[in-house]
Amino acid sequence: MATKKRTFYAYKIINETVSNATSRLKSDLMQKLTSDVDNFGNRCKAIVDGSDTQDVLACFVSLDRTPTCVAGEMWRIAPSKDMPKIPQALFAQTTVRSDEVPDDPNVSPTDKSRLDYHFFMITDNILIATFPPTRASAFAKYLNELLAVYRGTYVYKFDPLIILPSDIKLSDIAAISFSDKPIMENGRVKRGKSKFGIFKTGISNLKYFFDDFGSTNELIDKKILSATMTLKLTQPKGMSDDDYRQELSAFLRPLAASDVEGVSFKLANGQEIKAMTIQAKYAYVFNDNNEQTKENVVNAYTVMNEYLGRLLQS
């Protein structure tokens, strides 16, 4: 089969428990996979509302490295007439490898086929995976359902991990700009769906300066109105980079997947860096041969391990 390039993305595992230094996700998952292992069929979860697709943790392994981590494959399966079927016997196994699924689409009476697959690696605070930010929320939803007994009211969340280039210091950042980018919906430009709420804030302020501000949607339709909020940062004289970083880390957090395209960093020299560009630059590319052999899987784990090592050193 032809080789295709797959990109590994890095995500911050949100830790909502202030008293803990790390997220509970890895420990909860390891407990599930070592003491209460379901078979493949029982791990199938309907994640996408209104769809007949299911997500399933197909296979997994605990990697003995520092820090320890859990790696595996996530599959998306659904009824299919033309794709190879997953034999019913495999649903009773603890794990299922891709090379166990026959190539013949008529080999099994079951109607489920593997539509796609993704590699992932979970550490205490970092998730590395081949799925893009738009798919990360589905993975979090799956884990929240799979580990419901262990997490209680704790909720697992991921945000894209944005890392500035190593040659740029925090003191170089003069401002961070947040934009609510209008999007097309049914042929009309609508307000962006990011969490920033800049349109709402901006329009309420503009009403103080205009007697008749007119229709907001009309102005957006004509591309007259857009909204950007700029947060200026200044490192006080005499404050070290380490102290400055500590102060910023008290309130800055990784960006949500839905908002990453609307954020840019402005440097003191006037250069502007898009957050999405940084994320893409700091992602690893994996040459996937699509054969899903043991060698290919080991190669994927090796690439994730290298990527993790670089992230931990940054």
Protein backbone atom coordinates (compact mmCIF):
# COMPACT_ATOMS: atom_id res chain seq x y z
CA MET A 1 0.00 0.00 0.00
CA ALA A 2 1.03 3.59 -0.56
CA THR A 3 2.64 5.46 2.30
CA LYS A 4 0.81 8.53 3.61
CA LYS A 5 1.98 11.23 5.95
CA ARG A 6 0.17 11.48 9.29
CA THR A 7 0.78 14.32 11.73
CA PHE A 8 1.14 13.87 15.47
CA TYR A 9 -0.35 16.73 17.47
CA ALA A 10 0.35 17.56 21.12
CA TYR A 11 -2.36 18.42 23.65
CA LYS A 12 -2.30 19.61 27.23
CA ILE A 13 -4.34 17.35 29.54
CA ILE A 14 -6.28 19.81 31.68
CA ASN A 15 -5.87 19.22 35.40
CA GLU A 16 -8.92 20.51 37.28
CA THR A 17 -7.71 19.41 40.71
CA VAL A 18 -5.52 22.16 42.16
CA SER A 19 -4.16 19.88 44.89
CA ASN A 20 -2.70 17.44 42.31
CA ALA A 21 0.38 18.16 40.23
CA THR A 22 -0.88 16.03 37.33
CA SER A 23 -4.13 15.01 35.69
CA ARG A 24 -5.86 11.83 36.85
CA LEU A 25 -6.38 10.58 33.31
CA LYS A 26 -3.30 8.37 32.97
CA SER A 27 -3.69 6.74 36.38
CA ASP A 28 -7.43 6.17 35.84
CA LEU A 29 -6.80 4.67 32.42
CA MET A 30 -3.99 2.42 33.65
CA GLN A 31 -6.19 1.17 36.49
CA LYS A 32 -8.96 0.37 34.02
CA LEU A 33 -6.64 -1.42 31.62
CA THR A 34 -4.86 -3.49 34.27
CA SER A 35 -7.58 -4.43 36.75
CA ASP A 36 -10.89 -4.15 34.92
CA VAL A 37 -10.23 -4.87 31.26
CA ASP A 38 -13.33 -5.04 29.03
CA ASN A 39 -13.29 -6.92 25.79
CA PHE A 40 -13.14 -5.07 22.48
CA GLY A 41 -16.91 -5.17 22.01
CA ASN A 42 -17.70 -3.71 25.42
CA ARG A 43 -15.34 -0.78 24.78
CA CYS A 44 -17.28 0.31 21.68
CA LYS A 45 -18.99 3.63 22.42
CA ALA A 46 -21.38 5.72 20.33
CA ILE A 47 -19.75 9.16 20.54
CA VAL A 48 -21.12 11.09 17.56
CA ASP A 49 -24.76 12.05 18.14
CA GLY A 50 -27.12 10.95 15.39
CA SER A 51 -24.54 8.68 13.77
CA ASP A 52 -24.21 4.90 13.59
CA THR A 53 -20.44 5.14 14.07
CA GLN A 54 -18.72 3.95 17.24
CA ASP A 55 -15.29 4.69 18.71
CA VAL A 56 -13.28 1.95 20.37
CA LEU A 57 -9.93 1.60 22.11
CA ALA A 58 -8.74 -1.30 19.97
CA CYS A 59 -5.35 -2.10 21.50
CA PHE A 60 -3.06 -0.57 24.12
CA VAL A 61 0.23 -0.99 25.92
CA SER A 62 1.90 0.54 28.98
CA LEU A 63 5.33 1.83 27.98
CA ASP A 64 8.08 1.56 30.58
CA ARG A 65 9.81 4.88 30.11
CA THR A 66 10.29 8.06 32.15
CA PRO A 67 7.63 9.26 32.55
CA THR A 68 5.50 6.15 32.12
CA CYS A 69 2.75 6.39 29.53
CA VAL A 70 -0.11 4.52 27.89
CA ALA A 71 -0.07 4.16 24.10
CA GLY A 72 -2.61 2.59 21.79
CA GLU A 73 -4.92 2.80 18.81
CA MET A 74 -8.38 4.31 18.57
CA TRP A 75 -10.67 3.01 15.84
CA ARG A 76 -13.86 4.43 14.42
CA ILE A 77 -16.16 1.63 13.24
CA ALA A 78 -19.52 1.59 11.49
CA PRO A 79 -21.67 -0.54 9.18
CA SER A 80 -20.20 -0.71 5.69
CA LYS A 81 -20.94 -2.73 2.58
CA ASP A 82 -17.62 -2.34 0.79
CA MET A 83 -14.95 -2.26 3.48
CA PRO A 84 -13.42 -5.31 5.23
CA LYS A 85 -15.61 -6.54 8.07
CA ILE A 86 -14.48 -7.14 11.66
CA PRO A 87 -15.13 -10.84 12.43
CA GLN A 88 -17.56 -11.29 15.29
CA ALA A 89 -15.05 -13.40 17.23
CA LEU A 90 -12.72 -10.40 17.54
CA PHE A 91 -15.29 -8.47 19.55
CA ALA A 92 -14.77 -10.95 22.42
CA GLN A 93 -11.00 -10.41 22.52
CA THR A 94 -9.33 -8.06 24.99
CA THR A 95 -7.49 -6.25 22.21
CA VAL A 96 -7.67 -6.33 18.44
CA ARG A 97 -4.79 -5.56 16.09
CA SER A 98 -5.39 -4.17 12.64
CA ASP A 99 -3.68 -7.13 10.98
CA GLU A 100 -6.32 -9.41 12.54
CA VAL A 101 -9.05 -7.89 10.37
CA PRO A 102 -9.28 -9.84 7.09
CA ASP A 103 -9.08 -7.97 3.80
CA ASP A 104 -12.11 -9.81 2.36
CA PRO A 105 -15.25 -7.64 2.89
CA ASN A 106 -17.43 -10.77 2.84
CA VAL A 107 -15.48 -12.86 5.34
CA SER A 108 -17.76 -12.22 8.32
CA PRO A 109 -21.51 -11.81 8.93
CA THR A 110 -20.93 -8.83 11.22
CA ASP A 111 -21.76 -5.49 9.65
CA LYS A 112 -19.05 -3.40 11.34
CA SER A 113 -15.97 -2.15 9.50
CA ARG A 114 -13.05 -0.01 10.58
CA LEU A 115 -13.44 3.39 8.95
CA ASP A 116 -10.23 4.94 10.29
CA TYR A 117 -7.72 4.68 13.12
CA HIS A 118 -5.45 6.94 15.18
CA PHE A 119 -2.38 6.40 17.33
CA PHE A 120 -2.12 8.08 20.73
CA MET A 121 0.17 8.32 23.77
CA ILE A 122 -0.91 9.62 27.19
CA THR A 123 1.45 10.80 29.94
CA ASP A 124 0.73 12.65 33.19
CA ASN A 125 0.03 15.97 31.50
CA ILE A 126 0.47 15.52 27.74
CA LEU A 127 -1.49 13.70 25.03
CA ILE A 128 0.17 13.01 21.68
CA ALA A 129 -2.11 11.74 18.92
CA THR A 130 -2.62 11.65 15.18
CA PHE A 131 -6.09 13.14 15.40
CA PRO A 132 -6.46 16.90 14.78
CA PRO A 133 -7.96 19.32 17.32
CA THR A 134 -11.43 18.87 15.84
CA ARG A 135 -11.30 15.18 16.83
CA ALA A 136 -9.72 15.65 20.28
CA SER A 137 -13.08 16.48 21.87
CA ALA A 138 -14.51 13.15 20.65
CA PHE A 139 -11.57 11.31 22.22
CA ALA A 140 -12.15 13.14 25.52
CA LYS A 141 -15.85 12.23 25.38
CA TYR A 142 -14.95 8.59 24.76
CA LEU A 143 -12.55 8.47 27.72
CA ASN A 144 -15.09 10.16 30.00
CA GLU A 145 -17.59 7.41 29.14
CA LEU A 146 -15.07 4.55 29.31
CA LEU A 147 -13.71 5.64 32.70
CA ALA A 148 -16.94 6.94 34.26
CA VAL A 149 -16.66 4.58 37.25
CA TYR A 150 -13.14 5.79 38.05
CA ARG A 151 -13.39 9.52 37.44
CA GLY A 152 -16.61 10.28 39.37
CA THR A 153 -17.30 13.99 38.75
CA TYR A 154 -13.80 14.59 37.38
CA VAL A 155 -13.88 15.48 33.66
CA TYR A 156 -11.04 14.85 31.20
CA LYS A 157 -10.33 17.70 28.79
CA PHE A 158 -7.66 18.46 26.18
CA ASP A 159 -6.39 21.73 24.77
CA PRO A 160 -3.87 22.07 21.92
CA LEU A 161 -0.39 22.53 23.29
CA ILE A 162 1.06 25.68 21.76
CA ILE A 163 4.81 26.12 22.12
CA LEU A 164 6.71 29.21 21.07
CA PRO A 165 9.87 28.64 19.01
CA SER A 166 12.94 28.12 21.19
CA ASP A 167 14.53 31.34 19.93
CA ILE A 168 11.64 33.46 21.24
CA LYS A 169 11.47 34.38 24.92
CA LEU A 170 8.39 35.46 26.84
CA SER A 171 9.94 38.90 27.13
CA ASP A 172 9.79 39.14 23.30
CA ILE A 173 5.99 38.97 23.31
CA ALA A 174 4.48 42.43 23.23
CA ALA A 175 0.85 41.43 22.79
CA ILE A 176 -1.57 38.57 22.19
CA SER A 177 -4.43 39.22 19.79
CA PHE A 178 -7.75 37.38 19.92
CA SER A 179 -10.12 37.51 16.96
CA ASP A 180 -13.74 36.48 16.56
CA LYS A 181 -13.67 35.45 12.91
CA PRO A 182 -17.07 35.55 11.17
CA ILE A 183 -18.09 32.25 9.56
CA MET A 184 -20.45 31.44 6.69
CA GLU A 185 -23.75 29.79 7.61
CA ASN A 186 -26.53 29.21 5.07
CA GLY A 187 -24.96 31.70 2.73
CA ARG A 188 -24.68 34.45 5.34
CA VAL A 189 -21.78 35.58 7.44
CA LYS A 190 -22.47 34.90 11.10
CA ARG A 191 -20.68 35.77 14.29
CA GLY A 192 -17.72 33.52 15.08
CA LYS A 193 -18.33 30.75 17.60
CA SER A 194 -15.20 31.22 19.70
CA LYS A 195 -15.32 31.71 23.45
CA PHE A 196 -13.86 35.20 23.33
CA GLY A 197 -17.19 37.02 22.92
CA ILE A 198 -15.45 39.98 21.32
CA PHE A 199 -18.35 40.85 19.02
CA LYS A 200 -20.74 41.10 21.95
CA THR A 201 -18.38 43.26 23.98
CA GLY A 202 -17.40 45.44 21.05
CA ILE A 203 -20.93 46.16 19.91
CA SER A 204 -22.10 47.06 23.40
CA ASN A 205 -19.26 49.59 23.60
CA LEU A 206 -19.86 51.02 20.12
CA LYS A 207 -23.45 51.85 21.02
CA TYR A 208 -22.07 54.55 23.31
CA PHE A 209 -20.57 56.34 20.28
CA PHE A 210 -23.31 55.91 17.67
CA ASP A 211 -26.91 57.12 17.94
CA ASP A 212 -28.09 54.63 15.32
CA PHE A 213 -25.68 51.73 15.09
CA GLY A 214 -27.86 49.76 12.68
CA SER A 215 -28.06 46.04 12.16
CA THR A 216 -25.09 44.07 13.42
CA ASN A 217 -25.70 41.21 10.99
CA GLU A 218 -25.88 43.63 8.08
CA LEU A 219 -22.50 45.11 8.97
CA ILE A 220 -21.01 41.63 9.34
CA ASP A 221 -22.56 40.53 6.02
CA LYS A 222 -20.91 43.46 4.26
CA LYS A 223 -17.62 42.62 6.00
CA ILE A 224 -17.58 46.09 7.51
CA LEU A 225 -17.43 44.82 11.07
CA SER A 226 -14.82 42.52 12.55
CA ALA A 227 -13.54 42.23 16.10
CA THR A 228 -10.09 41.84 17.60
CA MET A 229 -8.99 42.19 21.20
CA THR A 230 -5.35 42.86 21.97
CA LEU A 231 -3.83 41.95 25.31
CA LYS A 232 -0.56 43.81 25.85
CA LEU A 233 2.18 42.24 27.96
CA THR A 234 5.05 44.11 29.57
CA GLN A 235 7.83 42.54 31.59
CA PRO A 236 8.60 44.91 34.49
CA LYS A 237 12.15 46.17 34.71
CA GLY A 238 14.22 44.11 37.08
CA MET A 239 11.96 41.03 36.84
CA SER A 240 13.79 37.94 35.65
CA ASP A 241 12.49 35.80 32.77
CA ASP A 242 11.80 32.96 35.23
CA ASP A 243 9.72 35.19 37.51
CA TYR A 244 7.93 36.67 34.49
CA ARG A 245 7.12 33.19 33.19
CA GLN A 246 5.79 32.20 36.60
CA GLU A 247 3.57 35.26 36.78
CA LEU A 248 2.18 34.64 33.29
CA SER A 249 1.59 30.95 33.93
CA ALA A 250 -0.69 31.89 36.81
CA PHE A 251 -3.38 33.00 34.35
CA LEU A 252 -2.36 31.92 30.84
CA ARG A 253 -3.45 28.46 29.67
CA PRO A 254 -3.30 26.47 26.41
CA LEU A 255 -5.76 27.47 23.72
CA ALA A 256 -9.04 25.71 23.09
CA ALA A 257 -9.24 23.84 19.79
CA SER A 258 -12.12 26.02 18.56
CA ASP A 259 -10.17 29.23 19.16
CA VAL A 260 -6.66 28.42 18.03
CA GLU A 261 -7.15 29.99 14.59
CA GLY A 262 -8.17 33.31 16.12
CA VAL A 263 -5.02 33.88 18.18
CA SER A 264 -1.71 35.46 17.23
CA PHE A 265 1.35 36.66 19.11
CA LYS A 266 2.85 40.05 18.37
CA LEU A 267 6.54 40.45 19.16
CA ALA A 268 8.36 43.59 20.24
CA ASN A 269 10.07 43.78 16.81
CA GLY A 270 6.67 43.98 15.09
CA GLN A 271 6.60 40.37 13.89
CA GLU A 272 3.27 38.56 14.15
CA ILE A 273 3.09 34.79 14.69
CA LYS A 274 -0.15 32.85 14.24
CA ALA A 275 -0.83 30.32 16.99
CA MET A 276 -2.00 27.75 14.43
CA THR A 277 1.27 28.19 12.53
CA ILE A 278 3.22 27.50 15.71
CA GLN A 279 1.19 24.39 16.43
CA ALA A 280 1.71 23.07 12.90
CA LYS A 281 5.42 23.82 13.06
CA TYR A 282 5.74 21.94 16.32
CA ALA A 283 3.95 18.81 15.13
CA TYR A 284 5.73 15.60 14.10
CA VAL A 285 5.08 13.89 10.77
CA PHE A 286 4.86 10.10 10.65
CA ASN A 287 5.15 8.09 7.43
CA ASP A 288 2.34 5.57 7.78
CA ASN A 289 2.49 2.64 5.35
CA ASN A 290 -1.20 1.87 5.95
CA GLU A 291 -0.41 -1.81 6.41
CA GLN A 292 -0.80 -1.73 10.19
CA THR A 293 1.87 -4.35 10.69
CA LYS A 294 3.64 -4.73 14.03
CA GLU A 295 6.64 -2.88 12.59
CA ASN A 296 4.48 0.03 11.52
CA VAL A 297 2.88 0.32 14.97
CA VAL A 298 6.29 0.18 16.68
CA ASN A 299 7.46 2.92 14.33
CA ALA A 300 4.48 5.07 15.33
CA TYR A 301 5.24 4.56 19.03
CA THR A 302 8.90 5.47 18.41
CA VAL A 303 7.94 8.72 16.70
CA MET A 304 5.55 9.62 19.55
CA ASN A 305 8.29 8.86 22.07
CA GLU A 306 10.71 11.17 20.24
CA TYR A 307 8.08 13.91 20.04
CA LEU A 308 7.33 13.57 23.77
CA GLY A 309 11.03 13.81 24.59
CA ARG A 310 11.31 17.07 22.70
CA LEU A 311 8.20 18.50 24.36
CA LEU A 312 9.52 17.66 27.83
CA GLN A 313 12.82 19.39 27.06
CA SER A 314 11.21 22.57 25.75
